[in-house]
Amino acid sequence: MFFIFGWGRVSDDRYSYRGSSICPRCRNTVGNELAKVTTWFTLFFIPAIPYKVQYGRVCPICGYTEEINKEIFNRIVGAIGHGR
């Protein structure tokens, strides 16, 4: 018997909220967007166990991501009404 396993499957949850900011990389005024990126261990090509979670603010124009901690992410997402 053998198992097919792997890692690297990524899910990306994005949240937009009111206001705007200036991207430090491209200098465009952009809407605020948060991202939660989860990398999964897979078993038979099914995501089974999350082993890496990253939180950040994302520029929707150039893709620059400023990493933030989980508490700040949850506080902002809770305040915009997504309830996580």
PDB file of N, CA and C in Angstrom:
ATOM      1  N   MET A   1       0.838  -1.164   0.000  1.00  0.00           N
ATOM      2  CA  MET A   1       0.000   0.000   0.000  1.00  0.00           C
ATOM      3  C   MET A   1       0.896   1.244   0.000  1.00  0.00           C
ATOM      4  N   PHE A   2       0.473   2.251  -0.727  1.00  0.00           N
ATOM      5  CA  PHE A   2       1.214   3.508  -0.739  1.00  0.00           C
ATOM      6  C   PHE A   2       0.230   4.672  -0.703  1.00  0.00           C
ATOM      7  N   PHE A   3       0.720   5.796  -0.256  1.00  0.00           N
ATOM      8  CA  PHE A   3      -0.095   7.001  -0.167  1.00  0.00           C
ATOM      9  C   PHE A   3       0.459   8.057  -1.100  1.00  0.00           C
ATOM     10  N   ILE A   4      -0.418   8.792  -1.693  1.00  0.00           N
ATOM     11  CA  ILE A   4      -0.014   9.927  -2.516  1.00  0.00           C
ATOM     12  C   ILE A   4      -0.217  11.177  -1.665  1.00  0.00           C
ATOM     13  N   PHE A   5       0.878  11.876  -1.402  1.00  0.00           N
ATOM     14  CA  PHE A   5       0.774  13.077  -0.591  1.00  0.00           C
ATOM     15  C   PHE A   5       1.624  14.169  -1.200  1.00  0.00           C
ATOM     16  N   GLY A   6       1.405  15.365  -0.750  1.00  0.00           N
ATOM     17  CA  GLY A   6       2.170  16.492  -1.245  1.00  0.00           C
ATOM     18  C   GLY A   6       1.924  17.704  -0.393  1.00  0.00           C
ATOM     19  N   TRP A   7       2.466  18.819  -0.809  1.00  0.00           N
ATOM     20  CA  TRP A   7       2.254  20.068  -0.118  1.00  0.00           C
ATOM     21  C   TRP A   7       2.365  21.199  -1.124  1.00  0.00           C
ATOM     22  N   GLY A   8       1.984  22.345  -0.711  1.00  0.00           N
ATOM     23  CA  GLY A   8       2.099  23.480  -1.598  1.00  0.00           C
ATOM     24  C   GLY A   8       0.783  23.970  -2.168  1.00  0.00           C
ATOM     25  N   ARG A   9      -0.301  23.276  -1.926  1.00  0.00           N
ATOM     26  CA  ARG A   9      -1.605  23.778  -2.359  1.00  0.00           C
ATOM     27  C   ARG A   9      -1.901  25.027  -1.568  1.00  0.00           C
ATOM     28  N   VAL A  10      -2.286  26.105  -2.232  1.00  0.00           N
ATOM     29  CA  VAL A  10      -2.462  27.395  -1.577  1.00  0.00           C
ATOM     30  C   VAL A  10      -3.892  27.883  -1.771  1.00  0.00           C
ATOM     31  N   SER A  11      -4.484  28.365  -0.678  1.00  0.00           N
ATOM     32  CA  SER A  11      -5.777  29.042  -0.779  1.00  0.00           C
ATOM     33  C   SER A  11      -5.574  30.498  -0.367  1.00  0.00           C
ATOM     34  N   ASP A  12      -6.278  31.380  -1.029  1.00  0.00           N
ATOM     35  CA  ASP A  12      -6.087  32.815  -0.848  1.00  0.00           C
ATOM     36  C   ASP A  12      -7.444  33.456  -0.593  1.00  0.00           C
ATOM     37  N   ASP A  13      -7.667  33.930   0.631  1.00  0.00           N
ATOM     38  CA  ASP A  13      -8.908  34.627   0.977  1.00  0.00           C
ATOM     39  C   ASP A  13      -8.614  36.114   1.007  1.00  0.00           C
ATOM     40  N   ARG A  14      -9.403  36.901   0.296  1.00  0.00           N
ATOM     41  CA  ARG A  14      -9.171  38.355   0.235  1.00  0.00           C
ATOM     42  C   ARG A  14     -10.388  39.101   0.757  1.00  0.00           C
ATOM     43  N   TYR A  15     -10.106  40.208   1.424  1.00  0.00           N
ATOM     44  CA  TYR A  15     -11.132  41.054   2.011  1.00  0.00           C
ATOM     45  C   TYR A  15     -10.844  42.505   1.635  1.00  0.00           C
ATOM     46  N   SER A  16     -11.818  43.213   1.110  1.00  0.00           N
ATOM     47  CA  SER A  16     -11.683  44.633   0.798  1.00  0.00           C
ATOM     48  C   SER A  16     -12.420  45.429   1.857  1.00  0.00           C
ATOM     49  N   TYR A  17     -11.884  46.597   2.176  1.00  0.00           N
ATOM     50  CA  TYR A  17     -12.562  47.445   3.135  1.00  0.00           C
ATOM     51  C   TYR A  17     -12.405  48.904   2.751  1.00  0.00           C
ATOM     52  N   ARG A  18     -13.243  49.749   3.330  1.00  0.00           N
ATOM     53  CA  ARG A  18     -13.305  51.176   2.981  1.00  0.00           C
ATOM     54  C   ARG A  18     -11.983  51.875   3.195  1.00  0.00           C
ATOM     55  N   GLY A  19     -11.826  52.928   2.445  1.00  0.00           N
ATOM     56  CA  GLY A  19     -10.643  53.759   2.583  1.00  0.00           C
ATOM     57  C   GLY A  19      -9.640  53.455   1.493  1.00  0.00           C
ATOM     58  N   SER A  20      -8.569  54.210   1.518  1.00  0.00           N
ATOM     59  CA  SER A  20      -7.512  53.992   0.549  1.00  0.00           C
ATOM     60  C   SER A  20      -6.182  54.320   1.187  1.00  0.00           C
ATOM     61  N   SER A  21      -5.132  53.857   0.560  1.00  0.00           N
ATOM     62  CA  SER A  21      -3.783  54.130   1.035  1.00  0.00           C
ATOM     63  C   SER A  21      -2.867  54.212  -0.175  1.00  0.00           C
ATOM     64  N   ILE A  22      -1.656  54.651   0.056  1.00  0.00           N
ATOM     65  CA  ILE A  22      -0.670  54.744  -1.017  1.00  0.00           C
ATOM     66  C   ILE A  22       0.266  53.554  -0.909  1.00  0.00           C
ATOM     67  N   CYS A  23       0.401  52.817  -1.996  1.00  0.00           N
ATOM     68  CA  CYS A  23       1.285  51.653  -2.033  1.00  0.00           C
ATOM     69  C   CYS A  23       2.735  52.128  -1.935  1.00  0.00           C
ATOM     70  N   PRO A  24       3.532  51.536  -1.033  1.00  0.00           N
ATOM     71  CA  PRO A  24       4.923  51.963  -0.908  1.00  0.00           C
ATOM     72  C   PRO A  24       5.793  51.599  -2.113  1.00  0.00           C
ATOM     73  N   ARG A  25       5.354  50.638  -2.913  1.00  0.00           N
ATOM     74  CA  ARG A  25       6.158  50.234  -4.063  1.00  0.00           C
ATOM     75  C   ARG A  25       5.795  50.982  -5.333  1.00  0.00           C
ATOM     76  N   CYS A  26       4.513  50.988  -5.721  1.00  0.00           N
ATOM     77  CA  CYS A  26       4.130  51.597  -7.000  1.00  0.00           C
ATOM     78  C   CYS A  26       3.621  53.028  -6.857  1.00  0.00           C
ATOM     79  N   ARG A  27       3.402  53.481  -5.617  1.00  0.00           N
ATOM     80  CA  ARG A  27       2.971  54.848  -5.329  1.00  0.00           C
ATOM     81  C   ARG A  27       1.577  55.196  -5.858  1.00  0.00           C
ATOM     82  N   ASN A  28       0.777  54.212  -6.175  1.00  0.00           N
ATOM     83  CA  ASN A  28      -0.606  54.455  -6.585  1.00  0.00           C
ATOM     84  C   ASN A  28      -1.494  54.539  -5.349  1.00  0.00           C
ATOM     85  N   THR A  29      -2.547  55.316  -5.446  1.00  0.00           N
ATOM     86  CA  THR A  29      -3.556  55.320  -4.395  1.00  0.00           C
ATOM     87  C   THR A  29      -4.499  54.164  -4.679  1.00  0.00           C
ATOM     88  N   VAL A  30      -4.570  53.240  -3.736  1.00  0.00           N
ATOM     89  CA  VAL A  30      -5.324  52.004  -3.961  1.00  0.00           C
ATOM     90  C   VAL A  30      -6.307  51.768  -2.824  1.00  0.00           C
ATOM     91  N   GLY A  31      -7.331  50.962  -3.118  1.00  0.00           N
ATOM     92  CA  GLY A  31      -8.261  50.532  -2.089  1.00  0.00           C
ATOM     93  C   GLY A  31      -7.576  49.547  -1.165  1.00  0.00           C
ATOM     94  N   ASN A  32      -8.029  49.512   0.073  1.00  0.00           N
ATOM     95  CA  ASN A  32      -7.422  48.619   1.049  1.00  0.00           C
ATOM     96  C   ASN A  32      -7.895  47.189   0.826  1.00  0.00           C
ATOM     97  N   GLU A  33      -6.963  46.285   0.808  1.00  0.00           N
ATOM     98  CA  GLU A  33      -7.283  44.868   0.612  1.00  0.00           C
ATOM     99  C   GLU A  33      -6.401  44.030   1.527  1.00  0.00           C
ATOM    100  N   LEU A  34      -7.024  43.088   2.233  1.00  0.00           N
ATOM    101  CA  LEU A  34      -6.306  42.159   3.092  1.00  0.00           C
ATOM    102  C   LEU A  34      -6.314  40.777   2.456  1.00  0.00           C
ATOM    103  N   ALA A  35      -5.286  40.002   2.753  1.00  0.00           N
ATOM    104  CA  ALA A  35      -5.230  38.636   2.236  1.00  0.00           C
ATOM    105  C   ALA A  35      -4.789  37.684   3.339  1.00  0.00           C
ATOM    106  N   LYS A  36      -5.404  36.514   3.365  1.00  0.00           N
ATOM    107  CA  LYS A  36      -4.996  35.415   4.229  1.00  0.00           C
ATOM    108  C   LYS A  36      -4.614  34.273   3.296  1.00  0.00           C
ATOM    109  N   VAL A  37      -3.338  33.913   3.289  1.00  0.00           N
ATOM    110  CA  VAL A  37      -2.836  32.880   2.389  1.00  0.00           C
ATOM    111  C   VAL A  37      -2.487  31.649   3.221  1.00  0.00           C
ATOM    112  N   THR A  38      -3.129  30.524   2.911  1.00  0.00           N
ATOM    113  CA  THR A  38      -2.914  29.282   3.633  1.00  0.00           C
ATOM    114  C   THR A  38      -2.283  28.259   2.697  1.00  0.00           C
ATOM    115  N   THR A  39      -1.190  27.651   3.152  1.00  0.00           N
ATOM    116  CA  THR A  39      -0.536  26.586   2.392  1.00  0.00           C
ATOM    117  C   THR A  39      -0.896  25.261   3.063  1.00  0.00           C
ATOM    118  N   TRP A  40      -1.291  24.286   2.250  1.00  0.00           N
ATOM    119  CA  TRP A  40      -1.845  23.031   2.754  1.00  0.00           C
ATOM    120  C   TRP A  40      -0.959  21.831   2.444  1.00  0.00           C
ATOM    121  N   PHE A  41      -0.944  20.861   3.351  1.00  0.00           N
ATOM    122  CA  PHE A  41      -0.437  19.518   3.105  1.00  0.00           C
ATOM    123  C   PHE A  41      -1.600  18.761   2.481  1.00  0.00           C
ATOM    124  N   THR A  42      -1.369  18.034   1.399  1.00  0.00           N
ATOM    125  CA  THR A  42      -2.466  17.329   0.719  1.00  0.00           C
ATOM    126  C   THR A  42      -2.305  15.821   0.828  1.00  0.00           C
ATOM    127  N   LEU A  43      -3.418  15.145   0.848  1.00  0.00           N
ATOM    128  CA  LEU A  43      -3.469  13.681   0.847  1.00  0.00           C
ATOM    129  C   LEU A  43      -4.422  13.271  -0.260  1.00  0.00           C
ATOM    130  N   PHE A  44      -3.922  12.532  -1.226  1.00  0.00           N
ATOM    131  CA  PHE A  44      -4.699  12.160  -2.403  1.00  0.00           C
ATOM    132  C   PHE A  44      -5.265  13.404  -3.097  1.00  0.00           C
ATOM    133  N   PHE A  45      -4.441  14.434  -3.184  1.00  0.00           N
ATOM    134  CA  PHE A  45      -4.766  15.686  -3.865  1.00  0.00           C
ATOM    135  C   PHE A  45      -5.883  16.483  -3.204  1.00  0.00           C
ATOM    136  N   ILE A  46      -6.210  16.156  -1.958  1.00  0.00           N
ATOM    137  CA  ILE A  46      -7.218  16.874  -1.192  1.00  0.00           C
ATOM    138  C   ILE A  46      -6.499  17.636  -0.085  1.00  0.00           C
ATOM    139  N   PRO A  47      -6.712  18.960   0.008  1.00  0.00           N
ATOM    140  CA  PRO A  47      -6.078  19.711   1.097  1.00  0.00           C
ATOM    141  C   PRO A  47      -6.521  19.148   2.440  1.00  0.00           C
ATOM    142  N   ALA A  48      -5.563  18.737   3.266  1.00  0.00           N
ATOM    143  CA  ALA A  48      -5.897  18.063   4.513  1.00  0.00           C
ATOM    144  C   ALA A  48      -5.493  18.860   5.753  1.00  0.00           C
ATOM    145  N   ILE A  49      -4.260  19.348   5.797  1.00  0.00           N
ATOM    146  CA  ILE A  49      -3.753  20.012   6.991  1.00  0.00           C
ATOM    147  C   ILE A  49      -3.078  21.323   6.602  1.00  0.00           C
ATOM    148  N   PRO A  50      -3.556  22.443   7.147  1.00  0.00           N
ATOM    149  CA  PRO A  50      -2.851  23.702   6.871  1.00  0.00           C
ATOM    150  C   PRO A  50      -1.550  23.733   7.671  1.00  0.00           C
ATOM    151  N   TYR A  51      -0.439  24.055   7.009  1.00  0.00           N
ATOM    152  CA  TYR A  51       0.818  24.098   7.756  1.00  0.00           C
ATOM    153  C   TYR A  51       1.489  25.457   7.723  1.00  0.00           C
ATOM    154  N   LYS A  52       0.950  26.394   6.959  1.00  0.00           N
ATOM    155  CA  LYS A  52       1.518  27.737   6.934  1.00  0.00           C
ATOM    156  C   LYS A  52       0.410  28.721   6.604  1.00  0.00           C
ATOM    157  N   VAL A  53       0.261  29.739   7.463  1.00  0.00           N
ATOM    158  CA  VAL A  53      -0.739  30.779   7.239  1.00  0.00           C
ATOM    159  C   VAL A  53      -0.029  32.124   7.326  1.00  0.00           C
ATOM    160  N   GLN A  54      -0.269  32.971   6.317  1.00  0.00           N
ATOM    161  CA  GLN A  54       0.320  34.303   6.286  1.00  0.00           C
ATOM    162  C   GLN A  54      -0.795  35.329   6.120  1.00  0.00           C
ATOM    163  N   TYR A  55      -0.614  36.488   6.734  1.00  0.00           N
ATOM    164  CA  TYR A  55      -1.585  37.567   6.678  1.00  0.00           C
ATOM    165  C   TYR A  55      -0.894  38.805   6.133  1.00  0.00           C
ATOM    166  N   GLY A  56      -1.605  39.575   5.294  1.00  0.00           N
ATOM    167  CA  GLY A  56      -0.974  40.772   4.752  1.00  0.00           C
ATOM    168  C   GLY A  56      -1.947  41.743   4.135  1.00  0.00           C
ATOM    169  N   ARG A  57      -1.451  42.962   3.919  1.00  0.00           N
ATOM    170  CA  ARG A  57      -2.152  43.983   3.135  1.00  0.00           C
ATOM    171  C   ARG A  57      -1.580  43.915   1.736  1.00  0.00           C
ATOM    172  N   VAL A  58      -2.470  43.916   0.739  1.00  0.00           N
ATOM    173  CA  VAL A  58      -2.053  43.688  -0.642  1.00  0.00           C
ATOM    174  C   VAL A  58      -2.414  44.881  -1.513  1.00  0.00           C
ATOM    175  N   CYS A  59      -1.480  45.279  -2.379  1.00  0.00           N
ATOM    176  CA  CYS A  59      -1.766  46.281  -3.396  1.00  0.00           C
ATOM    177  C   CYS A  59      -2.395  45.555  -4.585  1.00  0.00           C
ATOM    178  N   PRO A  60      -3.632  45.900  -4.967  1.00  0.00           N
ATOM    179  CA  PRO A  60      -4.271  45.198  -6.082  1.00  0.00           C
ATOM    180  C   PRO A  60      -3.670  45.541  -7.441  1.00  0.00           C
ATOM    181  N   ILE A  61      -2.823  46.572  -7.517  1.00  0.00           N
ATOM    182  CA  ILE A  61      -2.229  46.955  -8.794  1.00  0.00           C
ATOM    183  C   ILE A  61      -0.915  46.215  -9.047  1.00  0.00           C
ATOM    184  N   CYS A  62       0.030  46.329  -8.101  1.00  0.00           N
ATOM    185  CA  CYS A  62       1.353  45.735  -8.334  1.00  0.00           C
ATOM    186  C   CYS A  62       1.573  44.423  -7.577  1.00  0.00           C
ATOM    187  N   GLY A  63       0.674  44.085  -6.642  1.00  0.00           N
ATOM    188  CA  GLY A  63       0.802  42.835  -5.909  1.00  0.00           C
ATOM    189  C   GLY A  63       1.703  42.900  -4.686  1.00  0.00           C
ATOM    190  N   TYR A  64       2.234  44.078  -4.365  1.00  0.00           N
ATOM    191  CA  TYR A  64       3.086  44.226  -3.186  1.00  0.00           C
ATOM    192  C   TYR A  64       2.297  43.816  -1.945  1.00  0.00           C
ATOM    193  N   THR A  65       2.911  43.012  -1.075  1.00  0.00           N
ATOM    194  CA  THR A  65       2.258  42.554   0.143  1.00  0.00           C
ATOM    195  C   THR A  65       3.067  42.967   1.357  1.00  0.00           C
ATOM    196  N   GLU A  66       2.407  43.643   2.266  1.00  0.00           N
ATOM    197  CA  GLU A  66       3.007  44.019   3.538  1.00  0.00           C
ATOM    198  C   GLU A  66       2.476  43.040   4.574  1.00  0.00           C
ATOM    199  N   GLU A  67       3.351  42.246   5.174  1.00  0.00           N
ATOM    200  CA  GLU A  67       2.911  41.239   6.126  1.00  0.00           C
ATOM    201  C   GLU A  67       2.446  41.910   7.414  1.00  0.00           C
ATOM    202  N   ILE A  68       1.318  41.421   7.944  1.00  0.00           N
ATOM    203  CA  ILE A  68       0.804  41.896   9.225  1.00  0.00           C
ATOM    204  C   ILE A  68       0.571  40.680  10.109  1.00  0.00           C
ATOM    205  N   ASN A  69       0.414  40.901  11.418  1.00  0.00           N
ATOM    206  CA  ASN A  69       0.203  39.748  12.296  1.00  0.00           C
ATOM    207  C   ASN A  69      -1.277  39.369  12.363  1.00  0.00           C
ATOM    208  N   LYS A  70      -1.528  38.198  12.889  1.00  0.00           N
ATOM    209  CA  LYS A  70      -2.869  37.618  12.910  1.00  0.00           C
ATOM    210  C   LYS A  70      -3.857  38.476  13.707  1.00  0.00           C
ATOM    211  N   GLU A  71      -3.421  39.044  14.836  1.00  0.00           N
ATOM    212  CA  GLU A  71      -4.315  39.838  15.666  1.00  0.00           C
ATOM    213  C   GLU A  71      -4.814  41.081  14.925  1.00  0.00           C
ATOM    214  N   ILE A  72      -3.916  41.776  14.245  1.00  0.00           N
ATOM    215  CA  ILE A  72      -4.322  42.956  13.481  1.00  0.00           C
ATOM    216  C   ILE A  72      -5.268  42.557  12.355  1.00  0.00           C
ATOM    217  N   PHE A  73      -4.949  41.474  11.647  1.00  0.00           N
ATOM    218  CA  PHE A  73      -5.809  40.977  10.573  1.00  0.00           C
ATOM    219  C   PHE A  73      -7.211  40.691  11.097  1.00  0.00           C
ATOM    220  N   ASN A  74      -7.297  39.929  12.194  1.00  0.00           N
ATOM    221  CA  ASN A  74      -8.605  39.570  12.747  1.00  0.00           C
ATOM    222  C   ASN A  74      -9.376  40.786  13.243  1.00  0.00           C
ATOM    223  N   ARG A  75      -8.681  41.769  13.802  1.00  0.00           N
ATOM    224  CA  ARG A  75      -9.350  42.976  14.279  1.00  0.00           C
ATOM    225  C   ARG A  75      -9.955  43.752  13.106  1.00  0.00           C
ATOM    226  N   ILE A  76      -9.210  43.892  12.007  1.00  0.00           N
ATOM    227  CA  ILE A  76      -9.726  44.628  10.854  1.00  0.00           C
ATOM    228  C   ILE A  76     -10.879  43.866  10.189  1.00  0.00           C
ATOM    229  N   VAL A  77     -10.703  42.571  10.005  1.00  0.00           N
ATOM    230  CA  VAL A  77     -11.751  41.768   9.367  1.00  0.00           C
ATOM    231  C   VAL A  77     -13.011  41.758  10.222  1.00  0.00           C
ATOM    232  N   GLY A  78     -12.860  41.696  11.536  1.00  0.00           N
ATOM    233  CA  GLY A  78     -14.017  41.752  12.441  1.00  0.00           C
ATOM    234  C   GLY A  78     -14.732  43.095  12.358  1.00  0.00           C
ATOM    235  N   ALA A  79     -13.953  44.174  12.219  1.00  0.00           N
ATOM    236  CA  ALA A  79     -14.537  45.508  12.161  1.00  0.00           C
ATOM    237  C   ALA A  79     -15.282  45.764  10.847  1.00  0.00           C
ATOM    238  N   ILE A  80     -14.866  45.079   9.760  1.00  0.00           N
ATOM    239  CA  ILE A  80     -15.557  45.316   8.487  1.00  0.00           C
ATOM    240  C   ILE A  80     -16.747  44.396   8.290  1.00  0.00           C
ATOM    241  N   GLY A  81     -16.991  43.515   9.281  1.00  0.00           N
ATOM    242  CA  GLY A  81     -18.221  42.748   9.273  1.00  0.00           C
ATOM    243  C   GLY A  81     -18.152  41.384   8.634  1.00  0.00           C
ATOM    244  N   HIS A  82     -16.960  40.845   8.423  1.00  0.00           N
ATOM    245  CA  HIS A  82     -16.872  39.489   7.882  1.00  0.00           C
ATOM    246  C   HIS A  82     -16.891  38.438   8.982  1.00  0.00           C
ATOM    247  N   GLY A  83     -16.814  38.861  10.247  1.00  0.00           N
ATOM    248  CA  GLY A  83     -17.048  37.986  11.379  1.00  0.00           C
ATOM    249  C   GLY A  83     -16.046  36.880  11.620  1.00  0.00           C
ATOM    250  N   ARG A  84     -14.833  36.993  11.160  1.00  0.00           N
ATOM    251  CA  ARG A  84     -13.853  35.942  11.452  1.00  0.00           C
ATOM    252  C   ARG A  84     -12.988  36.337  12.605  1.00  0.00           C
TER     253      ARG A  84
END
